[in-house]
Amino acid sequence: MKYIFIIILLIIYSCSTTADIKEAENNQVEITEPANELIGKKFKLVSIYPEMNITIEFDEENIFGFSAINNYSSAYLTDGDIFSVKSISTTKKTASKEYRDAESKYLNMLRDATSYKLKGKRLIIYTLLSNESLIFEEF
């Protein structure tokens, strides 16, 4: 008699959890993350030093480009309009003081990036410590 009672309790318990699982399955909402609109795009800096051909290009996890003298790359993150750059790596070329200063200013502003906006073919990267924004045009 004891075994029959235990078996009946197990059956009742298993039926109640099955109902909970089915209910949970029916109430699930599929959440999909929008594709990063920057992936595969390449931009040229036009707001400062346009003659130095500074560029930025995006893949799924990294940015890379030319920063007046050197090539650079870095991991980046976006969340909505929030934009942040991790540690930036560069090649080790050198040039005139004018180019070194331009490269330094650009990379520092990129490190300080806080958010971005993409308007058509124009990318604007806003920075925390500067009243200047980095404005790029897609090419």
C-alpha atoms as a PDB file:
ATOM      1  CA  MET A   1       0.000   0.000   0.000  1.00  0.00           C
ATOM      2  CA  LYS A   2       2.845   2.340   0.858  1.00  0.00           C
ATOM      3  CA  TYR A   3       4.430   1.833  -2.598  1.00  0.00           C
ATOM      4  CA  ILE A   4       1.167   2.519  -4.405  1.00  0.00           C
ATOM      5  CA  PHE A   5       0.741   5.764  -2.464  1.00  0.00           C
ATOM      6  CA  ILE A   6       4.311   6.868  -3.327  1.00  0.00           C
ATOM      7  CA  ILE A   7       3.796   6.009  -7.013  1.00  0.00           C
ATOM      8  CA  ILE A   8       0.547   8.017  -7.119  1.00  0.00           C
ATOM      9  CA  LEU A   9       2.298  11.018  -5.521  1.00  0.00           C
ATOM     10  CA  LEU A  10       5.127  10.806  -8.044  1.00  0.00           C
ATOM     11  CA  ILE A  11       2.654  10.671 -10.945  1.00  0.00           C
ATOM     12  CA  ILE A  12       0.727  13.683  -9.609  1.00  0.00           C
ATOM     13  CA  TYR A  13       3.958  15.606  -9.063  1.00  0.00           C
ATOM     14  CA  SER A  14       5.275  14.820 -12.548  1.00  0.00           C
ATOM     15  CA  CYS A  15       1.977  15.924 -14.118  1.00  0.00           C
ATOM     16  CA  SER A  16       2.046  19.231 -12.251  1.00  0.00           C
ATOM     17  CA  THR A  17       5.618  20.043 -13.372  1.00  0.00           C
ATOM     18  CA  THR A  18       4.758  19.107 -16.961  1.00  0.00           C
ATOM     19  CA  ALA A  19       1.951  21.666 -16.917  1.00  0.00           C
ATOM     20  CA  ASP A  20       4.340  24.315 -15.585  1.00  0.00           C
ATOM     21  CA  ILE A  21       6.838  23.588 -18.327  1.00  0.00           C
ATOM     22  CA  LYS A  22       4.159  23.801 -21.034  1.00  0.00           C
ATOM     23  CA  GLU A  23       2.886  27.061 -19.568  1.00  0.00           C
ATOM     24  CA  ALA A  24       6.409  28.483 -19.490  1.00  0.00           C
ATOM     25  CA  GLU A  25       6.962  27.418 -23.105  1.00  0.00           C
ATOM     26  CA  ASN A  26       3.743  29.128 -24.200  1.00  0.00           C
ATOM     27  CA  ASN A  27       4.630  32.368 -22.393  1.00  0.00           C
ATOM     28  CA  GLN A  28       8.145  32.668 -23.807  1.00  0.00           C
ATOM     29  CA  VAL A  29       8.924  35.701 -25.897  1.00  0.00           C
ATOM     30  CA  GLU A  30      11.735  35.451 -28.394  1.00  0.00           C
ATOM     31  CA  ILE A  31      14.115  38.357 -27.996  1.00  0.00           C
ATOM     32  CA  THR A  32      16.338  39.143 -30.921  1.00  0.00           C
ATOM     33  CA  GLU A  33      19.154  41.642 -30.833  1.00  0.00           C
ATOM     34  CA  PRO A  34      19.189  44.072 -33.754  1.00  0.00           C
ATOM     35  CA  ALA A  35      22.173  43.687 -36.033  1.00  0.00           C
ATOM     36  CA  ASN A  36      24.941  46.194 -35.424  1.00  0.00           C
ATOM     37  CA  GLU A  37      24.433  48.778 -38.160  1.00  0.00           C
ATOM     38  CA  LEU A  38      28.155  49.588 -38.276  1.00  0.00           C
ATOM     39  CA  ILE A  39      29.443  46.144 -39.300  1.00  0.00           C
ATOM     40  CA  GLY A  40      31.170  46.135 -42.674  1.00  0.00           C
ATOM     41  CA  LYS A  41      31.206  49.921 -43.034  1.00  0.00           C
ATOM     42  CA  LYS A  42      34.253  52.117 -43.600  1.00  0.00           C
ATOM     43  CA  PHE A  43      34.370  55.837 -42.801  1.00  0.00           C
ATOM     44  CA  LYS A  44      36.772  58.749 -43.298  1.00  0.00           C
ATOM     45  CA  LEU A  45      37.212  61.422 -40.609  1.00  0.00           C
ATOM     46  CA  VAL A  46      36.032  64.812 -41.892  1.00  0.00           C
ATOM     47  CA  SER A  47      35.613  66.939 -38.743  1.00  0.00           C
ATOM     48  CA  ILE A  48      39.323  67.277 -37.917  1.00  0.00           C
ATOM     49  CA  TYR A  49      42.405  66.642 -40.057  1.00  0.00           C
ATOM     50  CA  PRO A  50      40.494  65.673 -43.236  1.00  0.00           C
ATOM     51  CA  GLU A  51      43.715  65.927 -45.264  1.00  0.00           C
ATOM     52  CA  MET A  52      45.324  63.121 -43.214  1.00  0.00           C
ATOM     53  CA  ASN A  53      42.942  60.417 -44.455  1.00  0.00           C
ATOM     54  CA  ILE A  54      42.077  59.082 -40.992  1.00  0.00           C
ATOM     55  CA  THR A  55      39.696  56.126 -41.288  1.00  0.00           C
ATOM     56  CA  ILE A  56      37.664  53.752 -39.162  1.00  0.00           C
ATOM     57  CA  GLU A  57      36.196  50.415 -40.224  1.00  0.00           C
ATOM     58  CA  PHE A  58      33.962  48.004 -38.298  1.00  0.00           C
ATOM     59  CA  ASP A  59      33.617  44.260 -38.127  1.00  0.00           C
ATOM     60  CA  GLU A  60      31.589  42.311 -35.566  1.00  0.00           C
ATOM     61  CA  GLU A  61      33.999  42.817 -32.654  1.00  0.00           C
ATOM     62  CA  ASN A  62      36.772  45.171 -33.779  1.00  0.00           C
ATOM     63  CA  ILE A  63      37.439  48.564 -35.232  1.00  0.00           C
ATOM     64  CA  PHE A  64      40.488  49.219 -37.355  1.00  0.00           C
ATOM     65  CA  GLY A  65      41.775  51.902 -39.637  1.00  0.00           C
ATOM     66  CA  PHE A  66      44.460  54.450 -40.393  1.00  0.00           C
ATOM     67  CA  SER A  67      45.246  57.158 -37.809  1.00  0.00           C
ATOM     68  CA  ALA A  68      47.370  59.698 -39.759  1.00  0.00           C
ATOM     69  CA  ILE A  69      50.636  57.709 -39.429  1.00  0.00           C
ATOM     70  CA  ASN A  70      49.850  54.208 -38.196  1.00  0.00           C
ATOM     71  CA  ASN A  71      47.295  51.493 -38.630  1.00  0.00           C
ATOM     72  CA  TYR A  72      45.282  50.818 -35.474  1.00  0.00           C
ATOM     73  CA  SER A  73      42.811  48.283 -34.138  1.00  0.00           C
ATOM     74  CA  SER A  74      40.735  47.743 -31.041  1.00  0.00           C
ATOM     75  CA  ALA A  75      37.794  45.795 -29.706  1.00  0.00           C
ATOM     76  CA  TYR A  76      34.641  47.860 -29.303  1.00  0.00           C
ATOM     77  CA  LEU A  77      31.198  47.528 -27.747  1.00  0.00           C
ATOM     78  CA  THR A  78      27.842  49.045 -28.638  1.00  0.00           C
ATOM     79  CA  ASP A  79      24.601  48.947 -26.685  1.00  0.00           C
ATOM     80  CA  GLY A  80      21.936  51.062 -28.302  1.00  0.00           C
ATOM     81  CA  ASP A  81      23.720  54.336 -28.984  1.00  0.00           C
ATOM     82  CA  ILE A  82      26.408  53.673 -26.361  1.00  0.00           C
ATOM     83  CA  PHE A  83      29.836  53.158 -27.908  1.00  0.00           C
ATOM     84  CA  SER A  84      33.062  52.252 -26.135  1.00  0.00           C
ATOM     85  CA  VAL A  85      36.527  51.330 -27.332  1.00  0.00           C
ATOM     86  CA  LYS A  86      38.884  48.972 -25.540  1.00  0.00           C
ATOM     87  CA  SER A  87      42.678  49.249 -25.581  1.00  0.00           C
ATOM     88  CA  ILE A  88      43.917  50.519 -28.951  1.00  0.00           C
ATOM     89  CA  SER A  89      46.893  48.844 -30.662  1.00  0.00           C
ATOM     90  CA  THR A  90      48.905  50.645 -33.333  1.00  0.00           C
ATOM     91  CA  THR A  91      51.838  50.007 -35.592  1.00  0.00           C
ATOM     92  CA  LYS A  92      55.025  51.906 -34.644  1.00  0.00           C
ATOM     93  CA  LYS A  93      55.722  54.275 -37.538  1.00  0.00           C
ATOM     94  CA  THR A  94      56.687  57.904 -36.997  1.00  0.00           C
ATOM     95  CA  ALA A  95      56.308  61.136 -38.932  1.00  0.00           C
ATOM     96  CA  SER A  96      56.402  64.905 -38.466  1.00  0.00           C
ATOM     97  CA  LYS A  97      55.194  66.526 -35.243  1.00  0.00           C
ATOM     98  CA  GLU A  98      52.042  67.737 -37.005  1.00  0.00           C
ATOM     99  CA  TYR A  99      51.072  64.168 -37.914  1.00  0.00           C
ATOM    100  CA  ARG A 100      52.054  62.781 -34.496  1.00  0.00           C
ATOM    101  CA  ASP A 101      49.905  65.418 -32.766  1.00  0.00           C
ATOM    102  CA  ALA A 102      46.957  64.713 -35.071  1.00  0.00           C
ATOM    103  CA  GLU A 103      47.219  60.974 -34.510  1.00  0.00           C
ATOM    104  CA  SER A 104      47.492  61.403 -30.752  1.00  0.00           C
ATOM    105  CA  LYS A 105      44.455  63.694 -30.601  1.00  0.00           C
ATOM    106  CA  TYR A 106      42.363  61.350 -32.764  1.00  0.00           C
ATOM    107  CA  LEU A 107      43.249  58.196 -30.817  1.00  0.00           C
ATOM    108  CA  ASN A 108      42.659  59.934 -27.464  1.00  0.00           C
ATOM    109  CA  MET A 109      39.245  61.139 -28.603  1.00  0.00           C
ATOM    110  CA  LEU A 110      38.433  57.638 -29.843  1.00  0.00           C
ATOM    111  CA  ARG A 111      39.461  56.172 -26.451  1.00  0.00           C
ATOM    112  CA  ASP A 112      37.104  58.666 -24.765  1.00  0.00           C
ATOM    113  CA  ALA A 113      34.128  57.734 -26.972  1.00  0.00           C
ATOM    114  CA  THR A 114      30.816  57.433 -25.133  1.00  0.00           C
ATOM    115  CA  SER A 115      28.134  57.206 -27.809  1.00  0.00           C
ATOM    116  CA  TYR A 116      27.499  57.347 -31.520  1.00  0.00           C
ATOM    117  CA  LYS A 117      24.871  58.267 -34.070  1.00  0.00           C
ATOM    118  CA  LEU A 118      24.619  57.041 -37.642  1.00  0.00           C
ATOM    119  CA  LYS A 119      22.713  59.413 -39.958  1.00  0.00           C
ATOM    120  CA  GLY A 120      22.691  58.118 -43.508  1.00  0.00           C
ATOM    121  CA  LYS A 121      26.337  57.979 -44.557  1.00  0.00           C
ATOM    122  CA  ARG A 122      27.522  60.134 -41.649  1.00  0.00           C
ATOM    123  CA  LEU A 123      28.846  58.636 -38.392  1.00  0.00           C
ATOM    124  CA  ILE A 124      29.196  60.876 -35.345  1.00  0.00           C
ATOM    125  CA  ILE A 125      31.167  59.590 -32.346  1.00  0.00           C
ATOM    126  CA  TYR A 126      30.639  61.637 -29.198  1.00  0.00           C
ATOM    127  CA  THR A 127      33.377  61.845 -26.567  1.00  0.00           C
ATOM    128  CA  LEU A 128      33.257  62.411 -22.837  1.00  0.00           C
ATOM    129  CA  LEU A 129      36.115  64.823 -22.287  1.00  0.00           C
ATOM    130  CA  SER A 130      35.946  66.910 -25.432  1.00  0.00           C
ATOM    131  CA  ASN A 131      33.380  69.325 -26.744  1.00  0.00           C
ATOM    132  CA  GLU A 132      34.403  68.130 -30.222  1.00  0.00           C
ATOM    133  CA  SER A 133      32.852  65.087 -31.832  1.00  0.00           C
ATOM    134  CA  LEU A 134      34.472  62.816 -34.373  1.00  0.00           C
ATOM    135  CA  ILE A 135      32.465  63.128 -37.586  1.00  0.00           C
ATOM    136  CA  PHE A 136      33.045  60.589 -40.346  1.00  0.00           C
ATOM    137  CA  GLU A 137      31.597  60.044 -43.803  1.00  0.00           C
ATOM    138  CA  GLU A 138      31.146  56.575 -45.268  1.00  0.00           C
ATOM    139  CA  PHE A 139      33.096  55.710 -48.395  1.00  0.00           C
END
